[in-house]
Amino acid sequence: MRSSFSDQFTNFSFVFPALLIFSIFFIYPFFYTFILSFQSYDLISQPKFVGLANFREVIVGDKDWWPSVYNGAFITFWALTFQNILAFMLALGVDKVIRGNKFYRVVFFILPVLSEIIIGLLMKQLLSSEPVGRGVLNQWLHQLNLGGMACNWLGVERVRLVTALVHCWKGFGWAFVIFLAGLQTIPEQLYEAARIDGAGLWQCFRKITLPLLMPVIALILVLTILGTMQAFAMILALTGGAGGLTEVPVMRVYNHLRGNFAGLACAEGVVLGIILVAVSFTMFFISKKIKEKYGVLPS
């Protein structure tokens, strides 16, 4: 009995530091944020309970909240389509490459490793004209005799789309790595057997690659939604919100915290969390149905 208790205590002692750190930096802030969302708090005076007033302000009173959600959804749409399709196509190509396979993994994964602030400031220098930036892209276009394509890339007409594309350029590397890992778990014998039976490339893709990759695709879709809807640092460095045209929900939370509206910011964080949880469960439900259709899971 003593030996069993001693073993359990020893095992728990190894887990306890990680559990303590997780509780301090994740569990406690989560519950404290939820509590503050029901209070009026300016980070100086004592919090005052206001019930659902903060949530009413977010959902009904704040005319800029839902446009920021739209901006986040717009960037997420491009990430779900352009970014993930590009990552999938590159992963398909690299999966067939024997020599230099590891080189491509490293090259495509460099961007996700870099700081979002660095990417935002770098792209600002490339895309913005002086005095804000260097206008490097427009200079290159003129040197290539493509001056007709030069424009104000971060102007009102293009800033939202350009921001979405920069975000996709920054984030496609991690989706590429996950897609490639999923592709390499598919046994080559399945493709060989299909080719012996006369299956072409499209049939192999539709009958083998796509069904067996469904769990990976579902995971990437959910992670893309969660990550993109919480994008902040790169957009802040690139456009600073562009007068609301690229302001995303997390930026609204940041602005209210900076303006000493901590209770309202916490309510916005809770509303955003509910939206993301609802979307995630919806995506998991849809992906489960798709997996059952393809026979990846038992129906």
C-alpha atoms as a PDB file:
ATOM      1  CA  MET A   1       0.000   0.000   0.000  1.00  0.00           C
ATOM      2  CA  ARG A   2       2.807   2.367   0.975  1.00  0.00           C
ATOM      3  CA  SER A   3       4.745   1.431  -2.123  1.00  0.00           C
ATOM      4  CA  SER A   4       1.725   2.093  -4.298  1.00  0.00           C
ATOM      5  CA  PHE A   5       1.099   5.487  -2.662  1.00  0.00           C
ATOM      6  CA  SER A   6       4.775   6.364  -2.958  1.00  0.00           C
ATOM      7  CA  ASP A   7       4.772   5.491  -6.658  1.00  0.00           C
ATOM      8  CA  GLN A   8       1.655   7.569  -7.266  1.00  0.00           C
ATOM      9  CA  PHE A   9       3.140  10.530  -5.380  1.00  0.00           C
ATOM     10  CA  THR A  10       6.383  10.242  -7.328  1.00  0.00           C
ATOM     11  CA  ASN A  11       4.508  10.126 -10.633  1.00  0.00           C
ATOM     12  CA  PHE A  12       2.360  13.106  -9.652  1.00  0.00           C
ATOM     13  CA  SER A  13       5.432  15.124  -8.650  1.00  0.00           C
ATOM     14  CA  PHE A  14       6.631  14.961 -12.249  1.00  0.00           C
ATOM     15  CA  VAL A  15       3.279  16.194 -13.553  1.00  0.00           C
ATOM     16  CA  PHE A  16       2.706  18.834 -10.869  1.00  0.00           C
ATOM     17  CA  PRO A  17       5.002  21.603 -12.273  1.00  0.00           C
ATOM     18  CA  ALA A  18       3.293  21.455 -15.675  1.00  0.00           C
ATOM     19  CA  LEU A  19      -0.134  21.324 -14.005  1.00  0.00           C
ATOM     20  CA  LEU A  20       0.746  24.328 -11.833  1.00  0.00           C
ATOM     21  CA  ILE A  21       1.946  26.379 -14.816  1.00  0.00           C
ATOM     22  CA  PHE A  22      -1.169  25.432 -16.819  1.00  0.00           C
ATOM     23  CA  SER A  23      -3.422  26.425 -13.910  1.00  0.00           C
ATOM     24  CA  ILE A  24      -1.704  29.781 -13.363  1.00  0.00           C
ATOM     25  CA  PHE A  25      -1.465  30.869 -16.981  1.00  0.00           C
ATOM     26  CA  PHE A  26      -4.555  29.210 -18.526  1.00  0.00           C
ATOM     27  CA  ILE A  27      -7.202  27.977 -16.087  1.00  0.00           C
ATOM     28  CA  TYR A  28      -7.104  30.955 -13.691  1.00  0.00           C
ATOM     29  CA  PRO A  29      -7.117  33.619 -16.476  1.00  0.00           C
ATOM     30  CA  PHE A  30     -10.000  31.798 -18.180  1.00  0.00           C
ATOM     31  CA  PHE A  31     -12.261  31.933 -15.117  1.00  0.00           C
ATOM     32  CA  TYR A  32     -11.091  35.430 -14.153  1.00  0.00           C
ATOM     33  CA  THR A  33     -11.910  36.692 -17.658  1.00  0.00           C
ATOM     34  CA  PHE A  34     -15.381  35.134 -17.418  1.00  0.00           C
ATOM     35  CA  ILE A  35     -15.964  36.818 -14.036  1.00  0.00           C
ATOM     36  CA  LEU A  36     -14.753  40.219 -15.259  1.00  0.00           C
ATOM     37  CA  SER A  37     -17.052  40.036 -18.280  1.00  0.00           C
ATOM     38  CA  PHE A  38     -19.972  40.663 -15.911  1.00  0.00           C
ATOM     39  CA  GLN A  39     -18.314  43.691 -14.320  1.00  0.00           C
ATOM     40  CA  SER A  40     -17.383  47.249 -15.173  1.00  0.00           C
ATOM     41  CA  TYR A  41     -13.640  47.526 -14.613  1.00  0.00           C
ATOM     42  CA  ASP A  42     -11.173  50.203 -15.694  1.00  0.00           C
ATOM     43  CA  LEU A  43      -8.024  48.485 -14.297  1.00  0.00           C
ATOM     44  CA  ILE A  44      -7.793  51.148 -11.568  1.00  0.00           C
ATOM     45  CA  SER A  45     -10.915  51.281  -9.401  1.00  0.00           C
ATOM     46  CA  GLN A  46     -12.769  48.349  -7.887  1.00  0.00           C
ATOM     47  CA  PRO A  47     -14.777  46.198 -10.324  1.00  0.00           C
ATOM     48  CA  LYS A  48     -18.525  46.851 -10.272  1.00  0.00           C
ATOM     49  CA  PHE A  49     -21.033  44.139 -11.151  1.00  0.00           C
ATOM     50  CA  VAL A  50     -23.171  45.152 -14.147  1.00  0.00           C
ATOM     51  CA  GLY A  51     -24.743  41.824 -15.119  1.00  0.00           C
ATOM     52  CA  LEU A  52     -25.189  41.315 -18.856  1.00  0.00           C
ATOM     53  CA  ALA A  53     -24.618  44.971 -19.749  1.00  0.00           C
ATOM     54  CA  ASN A  54     -21.201  44.271 -21.291  1.00  0.00           C
ATOM     55  CA  PHE A  55     -22.587  41.469 -23.443  1.00  0.00           C
ATOM     56  CA  ARG A  56     -25.493  43.690 -24.520  1.00  0.00           C
ATOM     57  CA  GLU A  57     -22.988  46.367 -25.497  1.00  0.00           C
ATOM     58  CA  VAL A  58     -20.925  43.887 -27.527  1.00  0.00           C
ATOM     59  CA  ILE A  59     -23.821  42.242 -29.353  1.00  0.00           C
ATOM     60  CA  VAL A  60     -26.130  45.226 -29.830  1.00  0.00           C
ATOM     61  CA  GLY A  61     -24.463  48.485 -28.809  1.00  0.00           C
ATOM     62  CA  ASP A  62     -20.972  48.257 -30.355  1.00  0.00           C
ATOM     63  CA  LYS A  63     -21.416  49.054 -34.049  1.00  0.00           C
ATOM     64  CA  ASP A  64     -17.794  48.074 -34.768  1.00  0.00           C
ATOM     65  CA  TRP A  65     -17.875  44.586 -33.236  1.00  0.00           C
ATOM     66  CA  TRP A  66     -19.682  42.707 -35.999  1.00  0.00           C
ATOM     67  CA  PRO A  67     -17.694  44.433 -38.783  1.00  0.00           C
ATOM     68  CA  SER A  68     -14.559  43.206 -37.017  1.00  0.00           C
ATOM     69  CA  VAL A  69     -16.038  39.690 -36.955  1.00  0.00           C
ATOM     70  CA  TYR A  70     -16.708  40.037 -40.691  1.00  0.00           C
ATOM     71  CA  ASN A  71     -13.095  41.078 -41.261  1.00  0.00           C
ATOM     72  CA  GLY A  72     -11.921  38.026 -39.341  1.00  0.00           C
ATOM     73  CA  ALA A  73     -14.299  35.791 -41.303  1.00  0.00           C
ATOM     74  CA  PHE A  74     -13.063  37.315 -44.591  1.00  0.00           C
ATOM     75  CA  ILE A  75      -9.439  36.513 -43.755  1.00  0.00           C
ATOM     76  CA  THR A  76     -10.498  33.055 -42.520  1.00  0.00           C
ATOM     77  CA  PHE A  77     -12.267  32.357 -45.826  1.00  0.00           C
ATOM     78  CA  TRP A  78      -9.069  33.051 -47.763  1.00  0.00           C
ATOM     79  CA  ALA A  79      -7.073  30.959 -45.315  1.00  0.00           C
ATOM     80  CA  LEU A  80      -9.498  28.042 -45.635  1.00  0.00           C
ATOM     81  CA  THR A  81      -9.435  28.179 -49.429  1.00  0.00           C
ATOM     82  CA  PHE A  82      -6.326  29.742 -50.954  1.00  0.00           C
ATOM     83  CA  GLN A  83      -3.903  28.989 -48.108  1.00  0.00           C
ATOM     84  CA  ASN A  84      -4.937  25.384 -47.524  1.00  0.00           C
ATOM     85  CA  ILE A  85      -5.305  24.525 -51.215  1.00  0.00           C
ATOM     86  CA  LEU A  86      -1.807  25.890 -51.868  1.00  0.00           C
ATOM     87  CA  ALA A  87      -0.435  23.946 -48.894  1.00  0.00           C
ATOM     88  CA  PHE A  88      -2.165  20.766 -50.069  1.00  0.00           C
ATOM     89  CA  MET A  89      -0.852  21.073 -53.627  1.00  0.00           C
ATOM     90  CA  LEU A  90       2.691  21.688 -52.413  1.00  0.00           C
ATOM     91  CA  ALA A  91       2.438  18.745 -50.008  1.00  0.00           C
ATOM     92  CA  LEU A  92       1.257  16.486 -52.852  1.00  0.00           C
ATOM     93  CA  GLY A  93       4.237  17.581 -54.945  1.00  0.00           C
ATOM     94  CA  VAL A  94       6.832  17.237 -52.180  1.00  0.00           C
ATOM     95  CA  ASP A  95       5.425  13.842 -51.137  1.00  0.00           C
ATOM     96  CA  LYS A  96       6.500  12.450 -54.517  1.00  0.00           C
ATOM     97  CA  VAL A  97       9.966  13.996 -54.333  1.00  0.00           C
ATOM     98  CA  ILE A  98      12.637  11.604 -53.139  1.00  0.00           C
ATOM     99  CA  ARG A  99      15.698  13.860 -53.198  1.00  0.00           C
ATOM    100  CA  GLY A 100      15.524  17.154 -51.304  1.00  0.00           C
ATOM    101  CA  ASN A 101      12.370  16.200 -49.395  1.00  0.00           C
ATOM    102  CA  LYS A 102      13.668  17.494 -46.063  1.00  0.00           C
ATOM    103  CA  PHE A 103      14.926  20.694 -47.706  1.00  0.00           C
ATOM    104  CA  TYR A 104      11.421  21.614 -48.877  1.00  0.00           C
ATOM    105  CA  ARG A 105       9.991  20.936 -45.426  1.00  0.00           C
ATOM    106  CA  VAL A 106      12.458  23.342 -43.835  1.00  0.00           C
ATOM    107  CA  VAL A 107      11.991  26.056 -46.481  1.00  0.00           C
ATOM    108  CA  PHE A 108       8.189  26.025 -46.372  1.00  0.00           C
ATOM    109  CA  PHE A 109       8.141  25.969 -42.564  1.00  0.00           C
ATOM    110  CA  ILE A 110      10.402  29.018 -42.126  1.00  0.00           C
ATOM    111  CA  LEU A 111       7.545  31.549 -42.363  1.00  0.00           C
ATOM    112  CA  PRO A 112       5.379  30.080 -39.562  1.00  0.00           C
ATOM    113  CA  VAL A 113       8.437  30.093 -37.306  1.00  0.00           C
ATOM    114  CA  LEU A 114       9.112  33.796 -37.876  1.00  0.00           C
ATOM    115  CA  SER A 115       7.455  36.370 -35.640  1.00  0.00           C
ATOM    116  CA  GLU A 116       4.182  37.799 -36.910  1.00  0.00           C
ATOM    117  CA  ILE A 117       5.413  41.280 -36.004  1.00  0.00           C
ATOM    118  CA  ILE A 118       8.471  40.795 -38.217  1.00  0.00           C
ATOM    119  CA  ILE A 119       6.336  39.585 -41.132  1.00  0.00           C
ATOM    120  CA  GLY A 120       3.922  42.499 -40.710  1.00  0.00           C
ATOM    121  CA  LEU A 121       6.667  45.132 -40.595  1.00  0.00           C
ATOM    122  CA  LEU A 122       8.521  43.526 -43.512  1.00  0.00           C
ATOM    123  CA  MET A 123       5.439  43.438 -45.736  1.00  0.00           C
ATOM    124  CA  LYS A 124       4.608  47.007 -44.726  1.00  0.00           C
ATOM    125  CA  GLN A 125       7.989  48.107 -46.056  1.00  0.00           C
ATOM    126  CA  LEU A 126       7.432  46.153 -49.273  1.00  0.00           C
ATOM    127  CA  LEU A 127       3.870  47.275 -49.954  1.00  0.00           C
ATOM    128  CA  SER A 128       3.615  50.811 -48.552  1.00  0.00           C
ATOM    129  CA  SER A 129       4.911  53.902 -50.288  1.00  0.00           C
ATOM    130  CA  GLU A 130       7.097  56.472 -48.550  1.00  0.00           C
ATOM    131  CA  PRO A 131       7.145  57.808 -45.881  1.00  0.00           C
ATOM    132  CA  VAL A 132       5.365  54.800 -44.264  1.00  0.00           C
ATOM    133  CA  GLY A 133       7.296  52.180 -46.226  1.00  0.00           C
ATOM    134  CA  ARG A 134       9.798  51.818 -49.036  1.00  0.00           C
ATOM    135  CA  GLY A 135       7.417  50.834 -51.818  1.00  0.00           C
ATOM    136  CA  VAL A 136       9.754  48.016 -52.842  1.00  0.00           C
ATOM    137  CA  LEU A 137       7.084  46.042 -54.722  1.00  0.00           C
ATOM    138  CA  ASN A 138       6.139  49.003 -56.912  1.00  0.00           C
ATOM    139  CA  GLN A 139       9.828  49.664 -57.625  1.00  0.00           C
ATOM    140  CA  TRP A 140      10.252  46.060 -58.777  1.00  0.00           C
ATOM    141  CA  LEU A 141       7.194  46.364 -61.021  1.00  0.00           C
ATOM    142  CA  HIS A 142       8.611  49.493 -62.672  1.00  0.00           C
ATOM    143  CA  GLN A 143      11.970  47.784 -63.206  1.00  0.00           C
ATOM    144  CA  LEU A 144      10.177  44.880 -64.905  1.00  0.00           C
ATOM    145  CA  ASN A 145       8.258  47.312 -67.162  1.00  0.00           C
ATOM    146  CA  LEU A 146       5.045  46.455 -65.318  1.00  0.00           C
ATOM    147  CA  GLY A 147       4.509  49.918 -63.919  1.00  0.00           C
ATOM    148  CA  GLY A 148       0.836  49.800 -64.880  1.00  0.00           C
ATOM    149  CA  MET A 149       0.306  47.266 -62.087  1.00  0.00           C
ATOM    150  CA  ALA A 150       1.836  49.544 -59.446  1.00  0.00           C
ATOM    151  CA  CYS A 151      -0.686  50.913 -56.971  1.00  0.00           C
ATOM    152  CA  ASN A 152      -1.292  51.670 -53.319  1.00  0.00           C
ATOM    153  CA  TRP A 153      -1.457  48.068 -52.114  1.00  0.00           C
ATOM    154  CA  LEU A 154      -2.602  49.032 -48.641  1.00  0.00           C
ATOM    155  CA  GLY A 155      -5.146  51.577 -49.852  1.00  0.00           C
ATOM    156  CA  VAL A 156      -8.827  51.446 -49.009  1.00  0.00           C
ATOM    157  CA  GLU A 157      -9.756  49.386 -52.078  1.00  0.00           C
ATOM    158  CA  ARG A 158      -7.238  46.576 -51.529  1.00  0.00           C
ATOM    159  CA  VAL A 159      -6.152  46.584 -47.901  1.00  0.00           C
ATOM    160  CA  ARG A 160      -8.520  43.852 -46.696  1.00  0.00           C
ATOM    161  CA  LEU A 161      -7.659  41.440 -49.509  1.00  0.00           C
ATOM    162  CA  VAL A 162      -3.924  42.165 -49.299  1.00  0.00           C
ATOM    163  CA  THR A 163      -4.006  41.592 -45.539  1.00  0.00           C
ATOM    164  CA  ALA A 164      -5.737  38.248 -46.086  1.00  0.00           C
ATOM    165  CA  LEU A 165      -3.158  37.198 -48.694  1.00  0.00           C
ATOM    166  CA  VAL A 166      -0.239  38.196 -46.453  1.00  0.00           C
ATOM    167  CA  HIS A 167      -1.789  36.149 -43.653  1.00  0.00           C
ATOM    168  CA  CYS A 168      -2.109  33.171 -46.021  1.00  0.00           C
ATOM    169  CA  TRP A 169       1.509  33.590 -47.142  1.00  0.00           C
ATOM    170  CA  LYS A 170       2.591  33.629 -43.497  1.00  0.00           C
ATOM    171  CA  GLY A 171       0.530  30.626 -42.425  1.00  0.00           C
ATOM    172  CA  PHE A 172       0.528  28.110 -45.266  1.00  0.00           C
ATOM    173  CA  GLY A 173       3.749  26.466 -44.011  1.00  0.00           C
ATOM    174  CA  TRP A 174       2.245  24.772 -40.976  1.00  0.00           C
ATOM    175  CA  ALA A 175      -0.687  23.440 -43.034  1.00  0.00           C
ATOM    176  CA  PHE A 176       1.857  22.146 -45.575  1.00  0.00           C
ATOM    177  CA  VAL A 177       3.748  20.227 -42.880  1.00  0.00           C
ATOM    178  CA  ILE A 178       0.564  18.647 -41.478  1.00  0.00           C
ATOM    179  CA  PHE A 179      -0.701  17.710 -44.953  1.00  0.00           C
ATOM    180  CA  LEU A 180       2.679  16.189 -45.811  1.00  0.00           C
ATOM    181  CA  ALA A 181       2.729  14.178 -42.591  1.00  0.00           C
ATOM    182  CA  GLY A 182      -0.764  12.880 -43.359  1.00  0.00           C
ATOM    183  CA  LEU A 183       0.170  11.941 -46.924  1.00  0.00           C
ATOM    184  CA  GLN A 184       3.216  10.011 -45.751  1.00  0.00           C
ATOM    185  CA  THR A 185       1.082   7.836 -43.453  1.00  0.00           C
ATOM    186  CA  ILE A 186      -0.809   6.433 -46.457  1.00  0.00           C
ATOM    187  CA  PRO A 187       0.759   3.067 -47.420  1.00  0.00           C
ATOM    188  CA  GLU A 188       2.330   3.053 -50.880  1.00  0.00           C
ATOM    189  CA  GLN A 189       1.024  -0.484 -51.380  1.00  0.00           C
ATOM    190  CA  LEU A 190      -2.500   0.888 -51.741  1.00  0.00           C
ATOM    191  CA  TYR A 191      -1.447   2.995 -54.731  1.00  0.00           C
ATOM    192  CA  GLU A 192       0.471   0.095 -56.271  1.00  0.00           C
ATOM    193  CA  ALA A 193      -2.556  -2.205 -55.962  1.00  0.00           C
ATOM    194  CA  ALA A 194      -4.813   0.480 -57.461  1.00  0.00           C
ATOM    195  CA  ARG A 195      -2.463   1.012 -60.414  1.00  0.00           C
ATOM    196  CA  ILE A 196      -2.340  -2.740 -61.052  1.00  0.00           C
ATOM    197  CA  ASP A 197      -6.148  -2.695 -61.215  1.00  0.00           C
ATOM    198  CA  GLY A 198      -5.942   0.072 -63.833  1.00  0.00           C
ATOM    199  CA  ALA A 199      -6.715   3.117 -61.668  1.00  0.00           C
ATOM    200  CA  GLY A 200      -5.438   6.472 -62.910  1.00  0.00           C
ATOM    201  CA  LEU A 201      -4.084   9.417 -60.929  1.00  0.00           C
ATOM    202  CA  TRP A 202      -7.515  10.984 -60.387  1.00  0.00           C
ATOM    203  CA  GLN A 203      -9.051   7.697 -59.271  1.00  0.00           C
ATOM    204  CA  CYS A 204      -6.167   7.085 -56.833  1.00  0.00           C
ATOM    205  CA  PHE A 205      -6.611  10.581 -55.449  1.00  0.00           C
ATOM    206  CA  ARG A 206     -10.406  10.300 -55.125  1.00  0.00           C
ATOM    207  CA  LYS A 207     -10.551   6.745 -53.802  1.00  0.00           C
ATOM    208  CA  ILE A 208      -7.394   6.549 -51.669  1.00  0.00           C
ATOM    209  CA  THR A 209      -5.746   9.898 -50.887  1.00  0.00           C
ATOM    210  CA  LEU A 210      -8.817  11.982 -50.152  1.00  0.00           C
ATOM    211  CA  PRO A 211     -10.690   9.470 -47.942  1.00  0.00           C
ATOM    212  CA  LEU A 212      -7.636   8.542 -45.873  1.00  0.00           C
ATOM    213  CA  LEU A 213      -6.684  12.195 -45.489  1.00  0.00           C
ATOM    214  CA  MET A 214     -10.102  13.275 -44.198  1.00  0.00           C
ATOM    215  CA  PRO A 215      -9.089  13.306 -40.484  1.00  0.00           C
ATOM    216  CA  VAL A 216      -6.090  15.508 -41.336  1.00  0.00           C
ATOM    217  CA  ILE A 217      -8.220  17.834 -43.484  1.00  0.00           C
ATOM    218  CA  ALA A 218     -10.763  18.218 -40.675  1.00  0.00           C
ATOM    219  CA  LEU A 219      -7.998  19.013 -38.188  1.00  0.00           C
ATOM    220  CA  ILE A 220      -6.444  21.636 -40.479  1.00  0.00           C
ATOM    221  CA  LEU A 221      -9.817  23.293 -41.153  1.00  0.00           C
ATOM    222  CA  VAL A 222     -10.547  23.643 -37.430  1.00  0.00           C
ATOM    223  CA  LEU A 223      -7.040  24.883 -36.611  1.00  0.00           C
ATOM    224  CA  THR A 224      -7.234  27.373 -39.487  1.00  0.00           C
ATOM    225  CA  ILE A 225     -10.503  28.805 -38.205  1.00  0.00           C
ATOM    226  CA  LEU A 226      -9.275  29.031 -34.615  1.00  0.00           C
ATOM    227  CA  GLY A 227      -5.930  30.531 -35.566  1.00  0.00           C
ATOM    228  CA  THR A 228      -7.131  33.019 -38.170  1.00  0.00           C
ATOM    229  CA  MET A 229     -10.056  34.363 -36.162  1.00  0.00           C
ATOM    230  CA  GLN A 230      -7.562  35.125 -33.374  1.00  0.00           C
ATOM    231  CA  ALA A 231      -4.989  36.749 -35.687  1.00  0.00           C
ATOM    232  CA  PHE A 232      -3.679  39.976 -34.235  1.00  0.00           C
ATOM    233  CA  ALA A 233       0.048  40.774 -34.222  1.00  0.00           C
ATOM    234  CA  MET A 234       0.703  40.592 -37.972  1.00  0.00           C
ATOM    235  CA  ILE A 235      -2.381  42.696 -38.811  1.00  0.00           C
ATOM    236  CA  LEU A 236      -1.492  45.251 -36.140  1.00  0.00           C
ATOM    237  CA  ALA A 237       2.044  45.615 -37.537  1.00  0.00           C
ATOM    238  CA  LEU A 238       0.909  45.677 -41.174  1.00  0.00           C
ATOM    239  CA  THR A 239      -2.099  48.003 -41.146  1.00  0.00           C
ATOM    240  CA  GLY A 240      -2.900  48.910 -37.540  1.00  0.00           C
ATOM    241  CA  GLY A 241      -6.532  48.161 -38.331  1.00  0.00           C
ATOM    242  CA  ALA A 242      -6.700  50.493 -41.364  1.00  0.00           C
ATOM    243  CA  GLY A 243      -9.457  52.560 -39.804  1.00  0.00           C
ATOM    244  CA  GLY A 244     -11.609  49.489 -39.186  1.00  0.00           C
ATOM    245  CA  LEU A 245     -11.139  47.872 -42.613  1.00  0.00           C
ATOM    246  CA  THR A 246      -8.800  45.203 -41.209  1.00  0.00           C
ATOM    247  CA  GLU A 247      -9.727  45.421 -37.539  1.00  0.00           C
ATOM    248  CA  VAL A 248     -10.365  41.885 -36.271  1.00  0.00           C
ATOM    249  CA  PRO A 249     -12.080  40.820 -33.008  1.00  0.00           C
ATOM    250  CA  VAL A 250      -8.861  40.393 -31.026  1.00  0.00           C
ATOM    251  CA  MET A 251      -7.853  43.910 -32.038  1.00  0.00           C
ATOM    252  CA  ARG A 252     -11.138  45.203 -30.617  1.00  0.00           C
ATOM    253  CA  VAL A 253     -10.319  43.430 -27.351  1.00  0.00           C
ATOM    254  CA  TYR A 254      -6.836  44.976 -27.381  1.00  0.00           C
ATOM    255  CA  ASN A 255      -8.156  48.484 -28.035  1.00  0.00           C
ATOM    256  CA  HIS A 256     -10.681  48.266 -25.218  1.00  0.00           C
ATOM    257  CA  LEU A 257      -8.060  46.964 -22.803  1.00  0.00           C
ATOM    258  CA  ARG A 258      -5.782  49.827 -23.788  1.00  0.00           C
ATOM    259  CA  GLY A 259      -8.699  52.202 -23.236  1.00  0.00           C
ATOM    260  CA  ASN A 260      -9.263  50.844 -19.699  1.00  0.00           C
ATOM    261  CA  PHE A 261     -12.500  49.044 -20.580  1.00  0.00           C
ATOM    262  CA  ALA A 262     -11.378  45.693 -19.194  1.00  0.00           C
ATOM    263  CA  GLY A 263     -14.872  44.391 -18.447  1.00  0.00           C
ATOM    264  CA  LEU A 264     -16.077  45.100 -21.992  1.00  0.00           C
ATOM    265  CA  ALA A 265     -12.896  43.558 -23.435  1.00  0.00           C
ATOM    266  CA  CYS A 266     -13.448  40.386 -21.390  1.00  0.00           C
ATOM    267  CA  ALA A 267     -17.052  40.190 -22.616  1.00  0.00           C
ATOM    268  CA  GLU A 268     -15.808  40.469 -26.208  1.00  0.00           C
ATOM    269  CA  GLY A 269     -13.328  37.687 -25.509  1.00  0.00           C
ATOM    270  CA  VAL A 270     -16.090  35.463 -24.145  1.00  0.00           C
ATOM    271  CA  VAL A 271     -18.357  36.168 -27.143  1.00  0.00           C
ATOM    272  CA  LEU A 272     -15.501  35.406 -29.528  1.00  0.00           C
ATOM    273  CA  GLY A 273     -14.754  32.195 -27.635  1.00  0.00           C
ATOM    274  CA  ILE A 274     -18.391  31.085 -27.897  1.00  0.00           C
ATOM    275  CA  ILE A 275     -18.364  31.793 -31.650  1.00  0.00           C
ATOM    276  CA  LEU A 276     -15.163  29.781 -32.142  1.00  0.00           C
ATOM    277  CA  VAL A 277     -16.395  26.860 -30.039  1.00  0.00           C
ATOM    278  CA  ALA A 278     -19.679  26.773 -31.976  1.00  0.00           C
ATOM    279  CA  VAL A 279     -17.862  26.873 -35.328  1.00  0.00           C
ATOM    280  CA  SER A 280     -15.386  24.199 -34.196  1.00  0.00           C
ATOM    281  CA  PHE A 281     -18.107  21.794 -33.088  1.00  0.00           C
ATOM    282  CA  THR A 282     -19.965  22.417 -36.340  1.00  0.00           C
ATOM    283  CA  MET A 283     -16.825  21.636 -38.345  1.00  0.00           C
ATOM    284  CA  PHE A 284     -16.172  18.482 -36.333  1.00  0.00           C
ATOM    285  CA  PHE A 285     -19.766  17.347 -36.892  1.00  0.00           C
ATOM    286  CA  ILE A 286     -19.546  17.977 -40.632  1.00  0.00           C
ATOM    287  CA  SER A 287     -16.155  16.258 -40.863  1.00  0.00           C
ATOM    288  CA  LYS A 288     -17.495  13.238 -38.979  1.00  0.00           C
ATOM    289  CA  LYS A 289     -20.335  12.893 -41.476  1.00  0.00           C
ATOM    290  CA  ILE A 290     -17.874  13.197 -44.366  1.00  0.00           C
ATOM    291  CA  LYS A 291     -15.585  10.579 -42.798  1.00  0.00           C
ATOM    292  CA  GLU A 292     -18.524   8.219 -42.369  1.00  0.00           C
ATOM    293  CA  LYS A 293     -19.486   8.775 -46.004  1.00  0.00           C
ATOM    294  CA  TYR A 294     -15.990   7.869 -47.175  1.00  0.00           C
ATOM    295  CA  GLY A 295     -15.801   4.917 -44.789  1.00  0.00           C
ATOM    296  CA  VAL A 296     -13.012   6.357 -42.642  1.00  0.00           C
ATOM    297  CA  LEU A 297     -15.210   5.948 -39.553  1.00  0.00           C
ATOM    298  CA  PRO A 298     -17.898   3.340 -38.907  1.00  0.00           C
ATOM    299  CA  SER A 299     -21.361   4.832 -39.449  1.00  0.00           C
END
